[in-house]
Amino acid sequence: MADPRLRQLTIKTGVVKRLTKEKTVCEKEVGIEQKRLERFKSEGADEHVLRKQQEVISECLMMVPDTLHRLKRELEALTKFLSDEEELKETKEYETATQVVNEAKNVLANTN
C-alpha cells in the first residue's frame, strides 16, 4: 500500500501550484483590465461604463493580496512538510514538490 505521506505531499504540492498560478493570473488580469479602461477612456466611453470598469479593476486588485497571503501560508506548510519528511527525498513526488516550491518562491520574489 502506498505511503499516506506521499498522498499528503501530492495534495500540498497541488495547492501551492494552483495558488502560484492563480496569483500570476490575477496580476495579468489587472493589467488587461487597466488597458481596457484606458481604451474606453480614449474612445470616449460613457461615464457609467468607465465606473463599471473601475469596479472590475478594484475587484481584481482585491484578489491579489488574498491570493498572495494564501500562497505564502501554503508554501510555508509545504516547505515544513518537506523538511519533516526528508526520508521521502528519493520519490518522484518529493522532487515535484521541490520544483513547485522553487517556482512559488520565484513568483513571490517577483511580487511588487
N, C-alpha and C. Protein backbone atom coordinates (compact mmCIF):
# COMPACT_ATOMS: atom_id res chain seq x y z
N MET A 1 0.83 -1.19 0.00
CA MET A 1 0.00 0.00 0.00
C MET A 1 0.88 1.25 0.00
N ALA A 2 0.41 2.26 -0.65
CA ALA A 2 1.19 3.50 -0.78
C ALA A 2 1.28 4.23 0.56
N ASP A 3 2.37 4.93 0.72
CA ASP A 3 2.62 5.71 1.92
C ASP A 3 1.64 6.89 1.97
N PRO A 4 0.88 7.05 3.05
CA PRO A 4 -0.07 8.17 3.14
C PRO A 4 0.62 9.54 3.12
N ARG A 5 1.89 9.56 3.48
CA ARG A 5 2.63 10.83 3.43
C ARG A 5 2.79 11.30 1.99
N LEU A 6 2.92 10.37 1.06
CA LEU A 6 3.03 10.75 -0.35
C LEU A 6 1.74 11.39 -0.85
N ARG A 7 0.62 10.87 -0.38
CA ARG A 7 -0.67 11.47 -0.75
C ARG A 7 -0.77 12.89 -0.21
N GLN A 8 -0.39 13.08 1.04
CA GLN A 8 -0.39 14.41 1.64
C GLN A 8 0.55 15.35 0.88
N LEU A 9 1.70 14.84 0.52
CA LEU A 9 2.68 15.64 -0.21
C LEU A 9 2.11 16.05 -1.57
N THR A 10 1.45 15.14 -2.25
CA THR A 10 0.85 15.43 -3.54
C THR A 10 -0.24 16.50 -3.41
N ILE A 11 -1.06 16.40 -2.38
CA ILE A 11 -2.12 17.38 -2.16
C ILE A 11 -1.53 18.76 -1.87
N LYS A 12 -0.58 18.82 -0.97
CA LYS A 12 0.04 20.10 -0.62
C LYS A 12 0.76 20.71 -1.82
N THR A 13 1.40 19.88 -2.62
CA THR A 13 2.08 20.36 -3.81
C THR A 13 1.07 20.95 -4.79
N GLY A 14 -0.05 20.27 -4.97
CA GLY A 14 -1.10 20.75 -5.87
C GLY A 14 -1.67 22.09 -5.43
N VAL A 15 -1.84 22.25 -4.13
CA VAL A 15 -2.38 23.51 -3.60
C VAL A 15 -1.42 24.67 -3.90
N VAL A 16 -0.14 24.47 -3.63
CA VAL A 16 0.85 25.53 -3.87
C VAL A 16 0.95 25.83 -5.37
N LYS A 17 0.91 24.81 -6.18
CA LYS A 17 0.98 25.01 -7.63
C LYS A 17 -0.22 25.81 -8.13
N ARG A 18 -1.41 25.47 -7.65
CA ARG A 18 -2.63 26.19 -8.05
C ARG A 18 -2.60 27.64 -7.61
N LEU A 19 -2.17 27.89 -6.37
CA LEU A 19 -2.13 29.26 -5.86
C LEU A 19 -1.06 30.09 -6.58
N THR A 20 0.03 29.46 -6.95
CA THR A 20 1.07 30.17 -7.72
C THR A 20 0.50 30.63 -9.05
N LYS A 21 -0.20 29.72 -9.71
CA LYS A 21 -0.81 30.06 -10.99
C LYS A 21 -1.90 31.12 -10.81
N GLU A 22 -2.70 30.98 -9.77
CA GLU A 22 -3.79 31.93 -9.50
C GLU A 22 -3.24 33.34 -9.28
N LYS A 23 -2.15 33.46 -8.55
CA LYS A 23 -1.55 34.77 -8.30
C LYS A 23 -1.09 35.40 -9.61
N THR A 24 -0.44 34.61 -10.44
CA THR A 24 0.04 35.11 -11.73
C THR A 24 -1.12 35.56 -12.61
N VAL A 25 -2.17 34.76 -12.65
CA VAL A 25 -3.34 35.08 -13.47
C VAL A 25 -4.03 36.34 -12.96
N CYS A 26 -4.16 36.49 -11.65
CA CYS A 26 -4.79 37.69 -11.07
C CYS A 26 -4.02 38.95 -11.47
N GLU A 27 -2.71 38.89 -11.39
CA GLU A 27 -1.90 40.06 -11.74
C GLU A 27 -2.03 40.39 -13.23
N LYS A 28 -2.06 39.37 -14.08
CA LYS A 28 -2.22 39.60 -15.51
C LYS A 28 -3.59 40.21 -15.80
N GLU A 29 -4.61 39.72 -15.10
CA GLU A 29 -5.96 40.21 -15.31
C GLU A 29 -6.07 41.70 -14.94
N VAL A 30 -5.39 42.11 -13.89
CA VAL A 30 -5.39 43.53 -13.52
C VAL A 30 -4.82 44.36 -14.67
N GLY A 31 -3.72 43.91 -15.23
CA GLY A 31 -3.11 44.63 -16.36
C GLY A 31 -4.04 44.70 -17.56
N ILE A 32 -4.69 43.60 -17.87
CA ILE A 32 -5.62 43.56 -19.01
C ILE A 32 -6.78 44.52 -18.78
N GLU A 33 -7.34 44.49 -17.60
CA GLU A 33 -8.49 45.35 -17.29
C GLU A 33 -8.10 46.83 -17.28
N GLN A 34 -6.88 47.15 -16.84
CA GLN A 34 -6.43 48.54 -16.86
C GLN A 34 -6.25 49.03 -18.30
N LYS A 35 -5.73 48.16 -19.16
CA LYS A 35 -5.60 48.53 -20.56
C LYS A 35 -6.97 48.75 -21.19
N ARG A 36 -7.93 47.91 -20.81
CA ARG A 36 -9.29 48.07 -21.32
C ARG A 36 -9.88 49.40 -20.87
N LEU A 37 -9.63 49.79 -19.61
CA LEU A 37 -10.12 51.07 -19.11
C LEU A 37 -9.51 52.23 -19.90
N GLU A 38 -8.22 52.16 -20.16
CA GLU A 38 -7.56 53.21 -20.94
C GLU A 38 -8.16 53.29 -22.35
N ARG A 39 -8.44 52.13 -22.93
CA ARG A 39 -9.04 52.12 -24.27
C ARG A 39 -10.43 52.75 -24.23
N PHE A 40 -11.21 52.42 -23.20
CA PHE A 40 -12.54 53.02 -23.05
C PHE A 40 -12.44 54.54 -22.93
N LYS A 41 -11.46 55.00 -22.14
CA LYS A 41 -11.28 56.45 -21.96
C LYS A 41 -10.91 57.11 -23.28
N SER A 42 -10.01 56.50 -24.03
CA SER A 42 -9.59 57.09 -25.30
C SER A 42 -10.70 57.08 -26.34
N GLU A 43 -11.63 56.14 -26.23
CA GLU A 43 -12.75 56.07 -27.15
C GLU A 43 -13.90 56.96 -26.71
N GLY A 44 -13.77 57.57 -25.54
CA GLY A 44 -14.82 58.46 -25.03
C GLY A 44 -16.05 57.70 -24.56
N ALA A 45 -15.84 56.60 -23.88
CA ALA A 45 -16.96 55.78 -23.41
C ALA A 45 -17.78 56.53 -22.36
N ASP A 46 -18.99 56.07 -22.18
CA ASP A 46 -19.92 56.63 -21.21
C ASP A 46 -19.35 56.54 -19.79
N GLU A 47 -19.69 57.49 -18.95
CA GLU A 47 -19.19 57.53 -17.56
C GLU A 47 -19.56 56.26 -16.79
N HIS A 48 -20.77 55.74 -17.06
CA HIS A 48 -21.22 54.52 -16.40
C HIS A 48 -20.29 53.35 -16.75
N VAL A 49 -19.92 53.22 -18.01
CA VAL A 49 -19.03 52.15 -18.46
C VAL A 49 -17.67 52.29 -17.78
N LEU A 50 -17.17 53.51 -17.68
CA LEU A 50 -15.87 53.75 -17.03
C LEU A 50 -15.92 53.37 -15.55
N ARG A 51 -17.01 53.74 -14.87
CA ARG A 51 -17.15 53.38 -13.45
C ARG A 51 -17.21 51.87 -13.26
N LYS A 52 -17.96 51.20 -14.11
CA LYS A 52 -18.06 49.74 -14.01
C LYS A 52 -16.71 49.09 -14.25
N GLN A 53 -15.96 49.60 -15.22
CA GLN A 53 -14.64 49.06 -15.49
C GLN A 53 -13.71 49.28 -14.31
N GLN A 54 -13.83 50.43 -13.66
CA GLN A 54 -13.01 50.70 -12.48
C GLN A 54 -13.37 49.73 -11.35
N GLU A 55 -14.66 49.38 -11.24
CA GLU A 55 -15.07 48.40 -10.23
C GLU A 55 -14.46 47.03 -10.52
N VAL A 56 -14.42 46.66 -11.79
CA VAL A 56 -13.81 45.39 -12.19
C VAL A 56 -12.34 45.37 -11.77
N ILE A 57 -11.64 46.47 -12.04
CA ILE A 57 -10.23 46.57 -11.67
C ILE A 57 -10.06 46.48 -10.15
N SER A 58 -10.93 47.16 -9.41
CA SER A 58 -10.86 47.11 -7.95
C SER A 58 -11.04 45.70 -7.42
N GLU A 59 -11.99 44.96 -8.00
CA GLU A 59 -12.22 43.58 -7.58
C GLU A 59 -11.00 42.71 -7.87
N CYS A 60 -10.40 42.92 -9.04
CA CYS A 60 -9.20 42.17 -9.39
C CYS A 60 -8.06 42.48 -8.42
N LEU A 61 -7.92 43.75 -8.07
CA LEU A 61 -6.85 44.16 -7.15
C LEU A 61 -7.05 43.58 -5.75
N MET A 62 -8.32 43.40 -5.35
CA MET A 62 -8.58 42.82 -4.03
C MET A 62 -8.19 41.35 -3.97
N MET A 63 -8.22 40.68 -5.10
CA MET A 63 -7.89 39.25 -5.13
C MET A 63 -6.39 39.01 -4.97
N VAL A 64 -5.57 39.94 -5.42
CA VAL A 64 -4.12 39.74 -5.40
C VAL A 64 -3.58 39.56 -3.97
N PRO A 65 -3.88 40.45 -3.02
CA PRO A 65 -3.34 40.25 -1.67
C PRO A 65 -3.85 38.98 -1.00
N ASP A 66 -5.12 38.64 -1.25
CA ASP A 66 -5.69 37.43 -0.66
C ASP A 66 -4.96 36.20 -1.20
N THR A 67 -4.77 36.15 -2.50
CA THR A 67 -4.07 35.03 -3.11
C THR A 67 -2.62 34.97 -2.61
N LEU A 68 -1.99 36.12 -2.51
CA LEU A 68 -0.62 36.19 -2.02
C LEU A 68 -0.51 35.64 -0.60
N HIS A 69 -1.44 36.03 0.25
CA HIS A 69 -1.45 35.56 1.64
C HIS A 69 -1.62 34.04 1.70
N ARG A 70 -2.58 33.51 0.93
CA ARG A 70 -2.81 32.07 0.93
C ARG A 70 -1.61 31.32 0.37
N LEU A 71 -0.99 31.88 -0.67
CA LEU A 71 0.19 31.23 -1.26
C LEU A 71 1.32 31.16 -0.24
N LYS A 72 1.58 32.25 0.46
CA LYS A 72 2.65 32.26 1.46
C LYS A 72 2.39 31.23 2.55
N ARG A 73 1.14 31.17 3.01
CA ARG A 73 0.77 30.23 4.08
C ARG A 73 0.97 28.78 3.62
N GLU A 74 0.47 28.45 2.44
CA GLU A 74 0.57 27.08 1.94
C GLU A 74 2.00 26.72 1.55
N LEU A 75 2.76 27.68 1.06
CA LEU A 75 4.16 27.43 0.73
C LEU A 75 4.95 27.11 2.00
N GLU A 76 4.66 27.83 3.05
CA GLU A 76 5.32 27.57 4.34
C GLU A 76 4.97 26.17 4.84
N ALA A 77 3.70 25.78 4.70
CA ALA A 77 3.27 24.44 5.15
C ALA A 77 3.96 23.36 4.32
N LEU A 78 4.05 23.56 3.01
CA LEU A 78 4.71 22.56 2.16
C LEU A 78 6.20 22.48 2.46
N THR A 79 6.83 23.61 2.67
CA THR A 79 8.26 23.63 2.99
C THR A 79 8.53 22.90 4.30
N LYS A 80 7.69 23.14 5.29
CA LYS A 80 7.83 22.45 6.58
C LYS A 80 7.62 20.94 6.40
N PHE A 81 6.63 20.58 5.62
CA PHE A 81 6.37 19.16 5.37
C PHE A 81 7.58 18.50 4.71
N LEU A 82 8.16 19.19 3.73
CA LEU A 82 9.34 18.64 3.06
C LEU A 82 10.51 18.46 4.02
N SER A 83 10.70 19.42 4.90
CA SER A 83 11.82 19.30 5.85
C SER A 83 11.56 18.22 6.90
N ASP A 84 10.28 18.01 7.25
CA ASP A 84 9.94 16.97 8.22
C ASP A 84 9.99 15.56 7.63
N GLU A 85 9.81 15.46 6.32
CA GLU A 85 9.73 14.15 5.66
C GLU A 85 10.88 13.94 4.68
N GLU A 86 12.08 14.24 5.10
CA GLU A 86 13.24 14.12 4.21
C GLU A 86 13.52 12.69 3.77
N GLU A 87 12.99 11.72 4.47
CA GLU A 87 13.23 10.34 4.05
C GLU A 87 12.49 10.00 2.75
N LEU A 88 11.62 10.89 2.31
CA LEU A 88 10.92 10.70 1.03
C LEU A 88 11.68 11.32 -0.14
N LYS A 89 12.89 11.80 0.11
CA LYS A 89 13.68 12.53 -0.89
C LYS A 89 13.84 11.78 -2.21
N GLU A 90 13.86 10.50 -2.17
CA GLU A 90 14.10 9.70 -3.37
C GLU A 90 12.85 9.52 -4.23
N THR A 91 11.72 10.03 -3.78
CA THR A 91 10.47 9.81 -4.53
C THR A 91 10.25 10.91 -5.57
N LYS A 92 9.48 10.54 -6.56
CA LYS A 92 9.12 11.49 -7.62
C LYS A 92 8.29 12.65 -7.05
N GLU A 93 7.42 12.34 -6.11
CA GLU A 93 6.55 13.35 -5.50
C GLU A 93 7.37 14.41 -4.76
N TYR A 94 8.42 13.98 -4.09
CA TYR A 94 9.28 14.92 -3.36
C TYR A 94 9.99 15.85 -4.33
N GLU A 95 10.50 15.28 -5.43
CA GLU A 95 11.18 16.09 -6.45
C GLU A 95 10.22 17.12 -7.05
N THR A 96 9.01 16.67 -7.36
CA THR A 96 7.99 17.57 -7.91
C THR A 96 7.68 18.69 -6.92
N ALA A 97 7.52 18.33 -5.67
CA ALA A 97 7.22 19.33 -4.63
C ALA A 97 8.35 20.35 -4.52
N THR A 98 9.58 19.89 -4.60
CA THR A 98 10.73 20.79 -4.53
C THR A 98 10.72 21.78 -5.71
N GLN A 99 10.39 21.29 -6.89
CA GLN A 99 10.30 22.17 -8.06
C GLN A 99 9.19 23.20 -7.89
N VAL A 100 8.04 22.77 -7.38
CA VAL A 100 6.91 23.68 -7.16
C VAL A 100 7.27 24.73 -6.11
N VAL A 101 7.98 24.33 -5.07
CA VAL A 101 8.42 25.29 -4.04
C VAL A 101 9.33 26.34 -4.67
N ASN A 102 10.27 25.91 -5.51
CA ASN A 102 11.18 26.86 -6.16
C ASN A 102 10.43 27.81 -7.09
N GLU A 103 9.45 27.29 -7.84
CA GLU A 103 8.64 28.15 -8.72
C GLU A 103 7.86 29.17 -7.91
N ALA A 104 7.27 28.72 -6.82
CA ALA A 104 6.48 29.62 -5.97
C ALA A 104 7.36 30.70 -5.35
N LYS A 105 8.56 30.33 -4.94
CA LYS A 105 9.49 31.31 -4.38
C LYS A 105 9.89 32.34 -5.43
N ASN A 106 10.06 31.91 -6.68
CA ASN A 106 10.38 32.85 -7.75
C ASN A 106 9.23 33.82 -7.99
N VAL A 107 8.01 33.31 -7.98
CA VAL A 107 6.83 34.17 -8.17
C VAL A 107 6.74 35.18 -7.02
N LEU A 108 6.97 34.72 -5.80
CA LEU A 108 6.92 35.62 -4.65
C LEU A 108 8.05 36.65 -4.69
N ALA A 109 9.20 36.26 -5.20
CA ALA A 109 10.33 37.18 -5.30
C ALA A 109 10.04 38.30 -6.31
N ASN A 110 9.22 38.00 -7.30
CA ASN A 110 8.87 38.99 -8.32
C ASN A 110 7.64 39.81 -7.96
N THR A 111 7.15 39.65 -6.73
CA THR A 111 5.99 40.41 -6.28
C THR A 111 6.39 41.86 -6.08
N ASN A 112 5.51 42.73 -6.54
CA ASN A 112 5.80 44.19 -6.46
C ASN A 112 5.93 44.64 -5.04
